[in-house]
Amino acid sequence: IGLFNTDPVLREVDVASITDSRTLGLAPYNSYREHCRFPRV
């Protein structure tokens, strides 16, 4: 599980996932780290 390791056939699923997360205004990665009690990078 990680970047650069998904079959190209499934690329559109990643496009849709990123699009949906932005449509919903999800906070950025660092904000969720802080919310889950990790230090901000």
All heavy atoms as atom14 arrays in JSON, in Angstrom:
{
  "sequence": "IGLFNTDPVLREVDVASITDSRTLGLAPYNSYREHCRFPRV",
  "atom14_mask": [
    [1, 1, 1, 1, 1, 1, 1, 1, 0, 0, 0, 0, 0, 0],
    [1, 1, 1, 1, 0, 0, 0, 0, 0, 0, 0, 0, 0, 0],
    [1, 1, 1, 1, 1, 1, 1, 1, 0, 0, 0, 0, 0, 0],
    [1, 1, 1, 1, 1, 1, 1, 1, 1, 1, 1, 0, 0, 0],
    [1, 1, 1, 1, 1, 1, 1, 1, 0, 0, 0, 0, 0, 0],
    [1, 1, 1, 1, 1, 1, 1, 0, 0, 0, 0, 0, 0, 0],
    [1, 1, 1, 1, 1, 1, 1, 1, 0, 0, 0, 0, 0, 0],
    [1, 1, 1, 1, 1, 1, 1, 0, 0, 0, 0, 0, 0, 0],
    [1, 1, 1, 1, 1, 1, 1, 0, 0, 0, 0, 0, 0, 0],
    [1, 1, 1, 1, 1, 1, 1, 1, 0, 0, 0, 0, 0, 0],
    [1, 1, 1, 1, 1, 1, 1, 1, 1, 1, 1, 0, 0, 0],
    [1, 1, 1, 1, 1, 1, 1, 1, 1, 0, 0, 0, 0, 0],
    [1, 1, 1, 1, 1, 1, 1, 0, 0, 0, 0, 0, 0, 0],
    [1, 1, 1, 1, 1, 1, 1, 1, 0, 0, 0, 0, 0, 0],
    [1, 1, 1, 1, 1, 1, 1, 0, 0, 0, 0, 0, 0, 0],
    [1, 1, 1, 1, 1, 0, 0, 0, 0, 0, 0, 0, 0, 0],
    [1, 1, 1, 1, 1, 1, 0, 0, 0, 0, 0, 0, 0, 0],
    [1, 1, 1, 1, 1, 1, 1, 1, 0, 0, 0, 0, 0, 0],
    [1, 1, 1, 1, 1, 1, 1, 0, 0, 0, 0, 0, 0, 0],
    [1, 1, 1, 1, 1, 1, 1, 1, 0, 0, 0, 0, 0, 0],
    [1, 1, 1, 1, 1, 1, 0, 0, 0, 0, 0, 0, 0, 0],
    [1, 1, 1, 1, 1, 1, 1, 1, 1, 1, 1, 0, 0, 0],
    [1, 1, 1, 1, 1, 1, 1, 0, 0, 0, 0, 0, 0, 0],
    [1, 1, 1, 1, 1, 1, 1, 1, 0, 0, 0, 0, 0, 0],
    [1, 1, 1, 1, 0, 0, 0, 0, 0, 0, 0, 0, 0, 0],
    [1, 1, 1, 1, 1, 1, 1, 1, 0, 0, 0, 0, 0, 0],
    [1, 1, 1, 1, 1, 0, 0, 0, 0, 0, 0, 0, 0, 0],
    [1, 1, 1, 1, 1, 1, 1, 0, 0, 0, 0, 0, 0, 0],
    [1, 1, 1, 1, 1, 1, 1, 1, 1, 1, 1, 1, 0, 0],
    [1, 1, 1, 1, 1, 1, 1, 1, 0, 0, 0, 0, 0, 0],
    [1, 1, 1, 1, 1, 1, 0, 0, 0, 0, 0, 0, 0, 0],
    [1, 1, 1, 1, 1, 1, 1, 1, 1, 1, 1, 1, 0, 0],
    [1, 1, 1, 1, 1, 1, 1, 1, 1, 1, 1, 0, 0, 0],
    [1, 1, 1, 1, 1, 1, 1, 1, 1, 0, 0, 0, 0, 0],
    [1, 1, 1, 1, 1, 1, 1, 1, 1, 1, 0, 0, 0, 0],
    [1, 1, 1, 1, 1, 1, 0, 0, 0, 0, 0, 0, 0, 0],
    [1, 1, 1, 1, 1, 1, 1, 1, 1, 1, 1, 0, 0, 0],
    [1, 1, 1, 1, 1, 1, 1, 1, 1, 1, 1, 0, 0, 0],
    [1, 1, 1, 1, 1, 1, 1, 0, 0, 0, 0, 0, 0, 0],
    [1, 1, 1, 1, 1, 1, 1, 1, 1, 1, 1, 0, 0, 0],
    [1, 1, 1, 1, 1, 1, 1, 0, 0, 0, 0, 0, 0, 0]
  ],
  "atom14_positions": [
    [[0.85, -1.19, 0.0], [0.0, 0.0, 0.0], [0.89, 1.24, 0.0], [1.73, 1.42, 0.88], [-0.93, -0.01, 1.22], [-1.93, -1.16, 1.1], [-1.67, 1.32, 1.37], [-2.78, -1.38, 2.33], [0.0, 0.0, 0.0], [0.0, 0.0, 0.0], [0.0, 0.0, 0.0], [0.0, 0.0, 0.0], [0.0, 0.0, 0.0], [0.0, 0.0, 0.0]],
    [[0.7, 2.09, -1.01], [1.51, 3.3, -1.11], [1.45, 3.88, -2.5], [0.73, 3.39, -3.38], [0.0, 0.0, 0.0], [0.0, 0.0, 0.0], [0.0, 0.0, 0.0], [0.0, 0.0, 0.0], [0.0, 0.0, 0.0], [0.0, 0.0, 0.0], [0.0, 0.0, 0.0], [0.0, 0.0, 0.0], [0.0, 0.0, 0.0], [0.0, 0.0, 0.0]],
    [[2.22, 4.96, -2.72], [2.24, 5.61, -4.02], [2.99, 4.76, -5.04], [3.75, 3.86, -4.7], [2.89, 6.99, -3.9], [2.2, 8.01, -3.0], [2.88, 9.37, -3.12], [0.72, 8.14, -3.33], [0.0, 0.0, 0.0], [0.0, 0.0, 0.0], [0.0, 0.0, 0.0], [0.0, 0.0, 0.0], [0.0, 0.0, 0.0], [0.0, 0.0, 0.0]],
    [[2.78, 5.09, -6.31], [3.47, 4.45, -7.45], [3.28, 2.93, -7.47], [4.17, 2.21, -7.89], [4.98, 4.78, -7.42], [5.28, 6.25, -7.4], [5.93, 6.83, -6.32], [4.89, 7.07, -8.45], [6.2, 8.19, -6.3], [5.15, 8.43, -8.44], [5.81, 9.0, -7.36], [0.0, 0.0, 0.0], [0.0, 0.0, 0.0], [0.0, 0.0, 0.0]],
    [[2.11, 2.46, -7.04], [1.94, 1.0, -6.97], [0.53, 0.53, -7.29], [0.14, -0.57, -6.93], [2.35, 0.49, -5.58], [2.82, -0.95, -5.61], [3.34, -1.43, -6.62], [2.62, -1.66, -4.52], [0.0, 0.0, 0.0], [0.0, 0.0, 0.0], [0.0, 0.0, 0.0], [0.0, 0.0, 0.0], [0.0, 0.0, 0.0], [0.0, 0.0, 0.0]],
    [[-0.27, 1.36, -7.99], [-1.63, 0.98, -8.36], [-1.71, 0.75, -9.86], [-1.21, 1.56, -10.64], [-2.63, 2.08, -7.95], [-2.59, 2.25, -6.53], [-4.05, 1.71, -8.35], [0.0, 0.0, 0.0], [0.0, 0.0, 0.0], [0.0, 0.0, 0.0], [0.0, 0.0, 0.0], [0.0, 0.0, 0.0], [0.0, 0.0, 0.0], [0.0, 0.0, 0.0]],
    [[-2.36, -0.34, -10.24], [-2.49, -0.65, -11.66], [-3.17, 0.51, -12.39], [-4.15, 1.09, -11.89], [-3.3, -1.93, -11.85], [-3.28, -2.42, -13.28], [-4.06, -1.89, -14.09], [-2.47, -3.32, -13.58], [0.0, 0.0, 0.0], [0.0, 0.0, 0.0], [0.0, 0.0, 0.0], [0.0, 0.0, 0.0], [0.0, 0.0, 0.0], [0.0, 0.0, 0.0]],
    [[-2.67, 0.89, -13.59], [-3.25, 2.01, -14.32], [-4.74, 1.87, -14.61], [-5.44, 2.87, -14.78], [-2.44, 2.03, -15.63], [-1.14, 1.38, -15.29], [-1.46, 0.35, -14.25], [0.0, 0.0, 0.0], [0.0, 0.0, 0.0], [0.0, 0.0, 0.0], [0.0, 0.0, 0.0], [0.0, 0.0, 0.0], [0.0, 0.0, 0.0], [0.0, 0.0, 0.0]],
    [[-5.24, 0.62, -14.64], [-6.67, 0.4, -14.88], [-7.52, 1.1, -13.82], [-8.65, 1.52, -14.08], [-6.97, -1.12, -14.88], [-8.46, -1.39, -14.89], [-6.31, -1.78, -16.1], [0.0, 0.0, 0.0], [0.0, 0.0, 0.0], [0.0, 0.0, 0.0], [0.0, 0.0, 0.0], [0.0, 0.0, 0.0], [0.0, 0.0, 0.0], [0.0, 0.0, 0.0]],
    [[-6.97, 1.28, -12.61], [-7.72, 1.85, -11.5], [-7.45, 3.34, -11.29], [-7.87, 3.92, -10.29], [-7.4, 1.09, -10.21], [-7.76, -0.4, -10.23], [-7.23, -1.1, -8.99], [-9.27, -0.58, -10.34], [0.0, 0.0, 0.0], [0.0, 0.0, 0.0], [0.0, 0.0, 0.0], [0.0, 0.0, 0.0], [0.0, 0.0, 0.0], [0.0, 0.0, 0.0]],
    [[-6.75, 3.97, -12.24], [-6.37, 5.38, -12.09], [-7.58, 6.29, -11.86], [-7.53, 7.21, -11.03], [-5.59, 5.85, -13.32], [-5.15, 7.31, -13.25], [-4.34, 7.71, -14.48], [-3.93, 9.1, -14.4], [-4.71, 10.12, -14.76], [-5.94, 9.88, -15.2], [-4.26, 11.36, -14.67], [0.0, 0.0, 0.0], [0.0, 0.0, 0.0], [0.0, 0.0, 0.0]],
    [[-8.66, 6.04, -12.58], [-9.82, 6.92, -12.47], [-10.43, 6.89, -11.07], [-11.08, 7.86, -10.66], [-10.87, 6.56, -13.52], [-10.45, 6.9, -14.94], [-9.99, 8.35, -15.08], [-10.74, 9.25, -14.64], [-8.89, 8.59, -15.6], [0.0, 0.0, 0.0], [0.0, 0.0, 0.0], [0.0, 0.0, 0.0], [0.0, 0.0, 0.0], [0.0, 0.0, 0.0]],
    [[-10.24, 5.8, -10.35], [-10.74, 5.73, -8.98], [-9.98, 6.72, -8.1], [-10.56, 7.39, -7.24], [-10.63, 4.31, -8.41], [-11.21, 4.25, -7.0], [-11.33, 3.31, -9.3], [0.0, 0.0, 0.0], [0.0, 0.0, 0.0], [0.0, 0.0, 0.0], [0.0, 0.0, 0.0], [0.0, 0.0, 0.0], [0.0, 0.0, 0.0], [0.0, 0.0, 0.0]],
    [[-8.66, 6.82, -8.32], [-7.87, 7.79, -7.57], [-8.24, 9.22, -7.94], [-8.31, 10.1, -7.07], [-6.37, 7.54, -7.8], [-5.89, 6.25, -7.16], [-6.3, 5.97, -6.03], [-5.1, 5.53, -7.8], [0.0, 0.0, 0.0], [0.0, 0.0, 0.0], [0.0, 0.0, 0.0], [0.0, 0.0, 0.0], [0.0, 0.0, 0.0], [0.0, 0.0, 0.0]],
    [[-8.47, 9.47, -9.23], [-8.92, 10.81, -9.65], [-10.22, 11.17, -8.94], [-10.36, 12.27, -8.39], [-9.11, 10.86, -11.18], [-9.72, 12.21, -11.59], [-7.79, 10.65, -11.91], [0.0, 0.0, 0.0], [0.0, 0.0, 0.0], [0.0, 0.0, 0.0], [0.0, 0.0, 0.0], [0.0, 0.0, 0.0], [0.0, 0.0, 0.0], [0.0, 0.0, 0.0]],
    [[-11.17, 10.24, -8.92], [-12.47, 10.49, -8.29], [-12.32, 10.7, -6.78], [-12.99, 11.55, -6.19], [-13.42, 9.33, -8.56], [0.0, 0.0, 0.0], [0.0, 0.0, 0.0], [0.0, 0.0, 0.0], [0.0, 0.0, 0.0], [0.0, 0.0, 0.0], [0.0, 0.0, 0.0], [0.0, 0.0, 0.0], [0.0, 0.0, 0.0], [0.0, 0.0, 0.0]],
    [[-11.4, 9.95, -6.15], [-11.21, 10.06, -4.7], [-10.67, 11.45, -4.34], [-11.13, 12.07, -3.37], [-10.24, 8.99, -4.22], [-10.73, 7.7, -4.48], [0.0, 0.0, 0.0], [0.0, 0.0, 0.0], [0.0, 0.0, 0.0], [0.0, 0.0, 0.0], [0.0, 0.0, 0.0], [0.0, 0.0, 0.0], [0.0, 0.0, 0.0], [0.0, 0.0, 0.0]],
    [[-9.71, 11.93, -5.11], [-9.14, 13.25, -4.84], [-10.15, 14.34, -5.14], [-10.31, 15.31, -4.37], [-7.84, 13.44, -5.67], [-6.79, 12.42, -5.23], [-7.29, 14.86, -5.49], [-5.63, 12.26, -6.19], [0.0, 0.0, 0.0], [0.0, 0.0, 0.0], [0.0, 0.0, 0.0], [0.0, 0.0, 0.0], [0.0, 0.0, 0.0], [0.0, 0.0, 0.0]],
    [[-10.88, 14.18, -6.23], [-11.92, 15.15, -6.58], [-12.97, 15.24, -5.49], [-13.38, 16.34, -5.06], [-12.58, 14.78, -7.92], [-11.57, 14.74, -8.94], [-13.65, 15.78, -8.3], [0.0, 0.0, 0.0], [0.0, 0.0, 0.0], [0.0, 0.0, 0.0], [0.0, 0.0, 0.0], [0.0, 0.0, 0.0], [0.0, 0.0, 0.0], [0.0, 0.0, 0.0]],
    [[-13.45, 14.09, -5.0], [-14.47, 14.07, -3.94], [-13.94, 14.72, -2.67], [-14.66, 15.47, -2.0], [-14.91, 12.64, -3.65], [-15.8, 12.05, -4.74], [-16.21, 12.81, -5.64], [-16.08, 10.84, -4.68], [0.0, 0.0, 0.0], [0.0, 0.0, 0.0], [0.0, 0.0, 0.0], [0.0, 0.0, 0.0], [0.0, 0.0, 0.0], [0.0, 0.0, 0.0]],
    [[-12.7, 14.42, -2.3], [-12.16, 14.98, -1.06], [-12.1, 16.5, -1.14], [-12.31, 17.19, -0.13], [-10.79, 14.38, -0.77], [-9.81, 14.85, -1.67], [0.0, 0.0, 0.0], [0.0, 0.0, 0.0], [0.0, 0.0, 0.0], [0.0, 0.0, 0.0], [0.0, 0.0, 0.0], [0.0, 0.0, 0.0], [0.0, 0.0, 0.0], [0.0, 0.0, 0.0]],
    [[-11.82, 17.03, -2.33], [-11.77, 18.49, -2.47], [-13.17, 19.1, -2.52], [-13.41, 20.18, -1.97], [-10.98, 18.85, -3.73], [-9.51, 18.47, -3.6], [-8.72, 18.9, -4.82], [-7.33, 18.48, -4.71], [-6.4, 18.73, -5.63], [-6.73, 19.42, -6.71], [-5.17, 18.3, -5.47], [0.0, 0.0, 0.0], [0.0, 0.0, 0.0], [0.0, 0.0, 0.0]],
    [[-14.09, 18.4, -3.17], [-15.48, 18.87, -3.2], [-16.04, 18.99, -1.78], [-16.79, 19.93, -1.47], [-16.36, 17.91, -4.03], [-15.85, 17.84, -5.36], [-17.81, 18.37, -4.06], [0.0, 0.0, 0.0], [0.0, 0.0, 0.0], [0.0, 0.0, 0.0], [0.0, 0.0, 0.0], [0.0, 0.0, 0.0], [0.0, 0.0, 0.0], [0.0, 0.0, 0.0]],
    [[-15.66, 18.05, -0.91], [-16.13, 18.04, 0.47], [-15.31, 18.95, 1.38], [-15.61, 19.07, 2.57], [-16.1, 16.61, 1.01], [-17.05, 15.64, 0.32], [-16.76, 14.21, 0.74], [-18.5, 16.0, 0.62], [0.0, 0.0, 0.0], [0.0, 0.0, 0.0], [0.0, 0.0, 0.0], [0.0, 0.0, 0.0], [0.0, 0.0, 0.0], [0.0, 0.0, 0.0]],
    [[-14.26, 19.56, 0.83], [-13.44, 20.47, 1.62], [-12.69, 19.79, 2.75], [-12.53, 20.37, 3.84], [0.0, 0.0, 0.0], [0.0, 0.0, 0.0], [0.0, 0.0, 0.0], [0.0, 0.0, 0.0], [0.0, 0.0, 0.0], [0.0, 0.0, 0.0], [0.0, 0.0, 0.0], [0.0, 0.0, 0.0], [0.0, 0.0, 0.0], [0.0, 0.0, 0.0]],
    [[-12.23, 18.56, 2.52], [-11.49, 17.87, 3.58], [-10.22, 18.64, 3.92], [-9.51, 19.13, 3.04], [-11.12, 16.45, 3.15], [-12.25, 15.44, 3.01], [-11.69, 14.03, 2.88], [-13.2, 15.49, 4.21], [0.0, 0.0, 0.0], [0.0, 0.0, 0.0], [0.0, 0.0, 0.0], [0.0, 0.0, 0.0], [0.0, 0.0, 0.0], [0.0, 0.0, 0.0]],
    [[-9.95, 18.75, 5.21], [-8.74, 19.44, 5.67], [-7.51, 18.73, 5.12], [-7.55, 17.54, 4.79], [-8.71, 19.45, 7.19], [0.0, 0.0, 0.0], [0.0, 0.0, 0.0], [0.0, 0.0, 0.0], [0.0, 0.0, 0.0], [0.0, 0.0, 0.0], [0.0, 0.0, 0.0], [0.0, 0.0, 0.0], [0.0, 0.0, 0.0], [0.0, 0.0, 0.0]],
    [[-6.38, 19.43, 5.02], [-5.17, 18.8, 4.47], [-4.56, 17.78, 5.42], [-4.93, 17.67, 6.59], [-4.24, 19.98, 4.22], [-4.72, 21.06, 5.13], [-6.2, 20.86, 5.27], [0.0, 0.0, 0.0], [0.0, 0.0, 0.0], [0.0, 0.0, 0.0], [0.0, 0.0, 0.0], [0.0, 0.0, 0.0], [0.0, 0.0, 0.0], [0.0, 0.0, 0.0]],
    [[-3.63, 17.04, 4.88], [-2.93, 15.95, 5.57], [-2.41, 16.37, 6.94], [-2.64, 15.67, 7.95], [-1.81, 15.48, 4.66], [-0.71, 14.67, 5.29], [-0.91, 13.34, 5.63], [0.54, 15.23, 5.5], [0.12, 12.58, 6.18], [1.57, 14.49, 6.05], [1.35, 13.17, 6.39], [2.37, 12.44, 6.93], [0.0, 0.0, 0.0], [0.0, 0.0, 0.0]],
    [[-1.74, 17.49, 7.04], [-1.14, 17.9, 8.31], [-2.2, 18.15, 9.39], [-1.97, 17.89, 10.57], [-0.28, 19.16, 8.12], [1.18, 18.91, 8.44], [1.54, 17.92, 9.08], [2.04, 19.83, 8.0], [0.0, 0.0, 0.0], [0.0, 0.0, 0.0], [0.0, 0.0, 0.0], [0.0, 0.0, 0.0], [0.0, 0.0, 0.0], [0.0, 0.0, 0.0]],
    [[-3.34, 18.66, 8.99], [-4.42, 18.9, 9.96], [-4.93, 17.6, 10.55], [-5.23, 17.51, 11.75], [-5.56, 19.66, 9.29], [-5.13, 20.93, 8.84], [0.0, 0.0, 0.0], [0.0, 0.0, 0.0], [0.0, 0.0, 0.0], [0.0, 0.0, 0.0], [0.0, 0.0, 0.0], [0.0, 0.0, 0.0], [0.0, 0.0, 0.0], [0.0, 0.0, 0.0]],
    [[-5.02, 16.57, 9.71], [-5.46, 15.26, 10.22], [-4.39, 14.61, 11.08], [-4.71, 13.89, 12.04], [-5.87, 14.34, 9.07], [-7.28, 14.62, 8.6], [-7.52, 15.5, 7.55], [-8.37, 14.04, 9.24], [-8.81, 15.78, 7.14], [-9.67, 14.31, 8.84], [-9.88, 15.19, 7.78], [-11.17, 15.47, 7.39], [0.0, 0.0, 0.0], [0.0, 0.0, 0.0]],
    [[-3.13, 14.85, 10.79], [-2.07, 14.35, 11.68], [-2.26, 14.94, 13.07], [-2.21, 14.22, 14.08], [-0.69, 14.73, 11.13], [-0.21, 13.86, 9.98], [1.22, 14.21, 9.59], [2.14, 14.02, 10.7], [2.75, 12.88, 10.99], [2.53, 11.81, 10.26], [3.58, 12.8, 12.02], [0.0, 0.0, 0.0], [0.0, 0.0, 0.0], [0.0, 0.0, 0.0]],
    [[-2.48, 16.22, 13.14], [-2.67, 16.88, 14.43], [-3.93, 16.37, 15.12], [-3.94, 16.14, 16.34], [-2.76, 18.39, 14.2], [-2.65, 19.23, 15.44], [-2.52, 20.71, 15.1], [-3.17, 21.17, 14.13], [-1.77, 21.4, 15.8], [0.0, 0.0, 0.0], [0.0, 0.0, 0.0], [0.0, 0.0, 0.0], [0.0, 0.0, 0.0], [0.0, 0.0, 0.0]],
    [[-5.0, 16.17, 14.35], [-6.26, 15.67, 14.91], [-6.08, 14.27, 15.5], [-6.75, 13.92, 16.49], [-7.31, 15.63, 13.79], [-8.69, 15.34, 14.25], [-9.43, 16.2, 15.03], [-9.5, 14.26, 14.04], [-10.62, 15.68, 15.27], [-10.68, 14.5, 14.69], [0.0, 0.0, 0.0], [0.0, 0.0, 0.0], [0.0, 0.0, 0.0], [0.0, 0.0, 0.0]],
    [[-5.18, 13.48, 14.92], [-4.92, 12.11, 15.39], [-3.72, 12.02, 16.33], [-3.17, 10.93, 16.55], [-4.71, 11.19, 14.18], [-6.17, 10.97, 13.17], [0.0, 0.0, 0.0], [0.0, 0.0, 0.0], [0.0, 0.0, 0.0], [0.0, 0.0, 0.0], [0.0, 0.0, 0.0], [0.0, 0.0, 0.0], [0.0, 0.0, 0.0], [0.0, 0.0, 0.0]],
    [[-3.29, 13.15, 16.86], [-2.24, 13.22, 17.88], [-0.86, 12.81, 17.36], [-0.06, 12.19, 18.06], [-2.61, 12.37, 19.11], [-3.91, 12.82, 19.75], [-4.23, 12.01, 20.99], [-5.54, 12.37, 21.52], [-6.11, 11.79, 22.58], [-5.47, 10.83, 23.22], [-7.3, 12.17, 23.0], [0.0, 0.0, 0.0], [0.0, 0.0, 0.0], [0.0, 0.0, 0.0]],
    [[-0.6, 13.17, 16.11], [0.74, 13.1, 15.56], [1.27, 14.53, 15.43], [0.48, 15.47, 15.24], [0.75, 12.47, 14.16], [0.61, 10.98, 14.15], [-0.55, 10.39, 13.66], [1.62, 10.15, 14.6], [-0.7, 9.02, 13.63], [1.48, 8.77, 14.58], [0.33, 8.21, 14.09], [0.0, 0.0, 0.0], [0.0, 0.0, 0.0], [0.0, 0.0, 0.0]],
    [[2.59, 14.74, 15.5], [3.13, 16.08, 15.22], [2.9, 16.46, 13.76], [2.9, 15.59, 12.88], [4.63, 15.92, 15.51], [4.81, 14.62, 16.18], [3.65, 13.76, 15.82], [0.0, 0.0, 0.0], [0.0, 0.0, 0.0], [0.0, 0.0, 0.0], [0.0, 0.0, 0.0], [0.0, 0.0, 0.0], [0.0, 0.0, 0.0], [0.0, 0.0, 0.0]],
    [[2.7, 17.74, 13.49], [2.66, 18.21, 12.12], [4.05, 18.04, 11.5], [5.06, 18.24, 12.17], [2.25, 19.68, 12.05], [0.85, 19.95, 12.59], [0.55, 21.44, 12.57], [0.38, 21.94, 11.22], [-0.78, 21.99, 10.58], [-1.89, 21.56, 11.19], [-0.86, 22.47, 9.35], [0.0, 0.0, 0.0], [0.0, 0.0, 0.0], [0.0, 0.0, 0.0]],
    [[4.09, 17.62, 10.24], [5.4, 17.5, 9.58], [5.8, 18.86, 9.02], [4.94, 19.67, 8.65], [5.37, 16.44, 8.46], [5.15, 15.06, 9.05], [4.32, 16.76, 7.41], [0.0, 0.0, 0.0], [0.0, 0.0, 0.0], [0.0, 0.0, 0.0], [0.0, 0.0, 0.0], [0.0, 0.0, 0.0], [0.0, 0.0, 0.0], [0.0, 0.0, 0.0]]
  ]
}
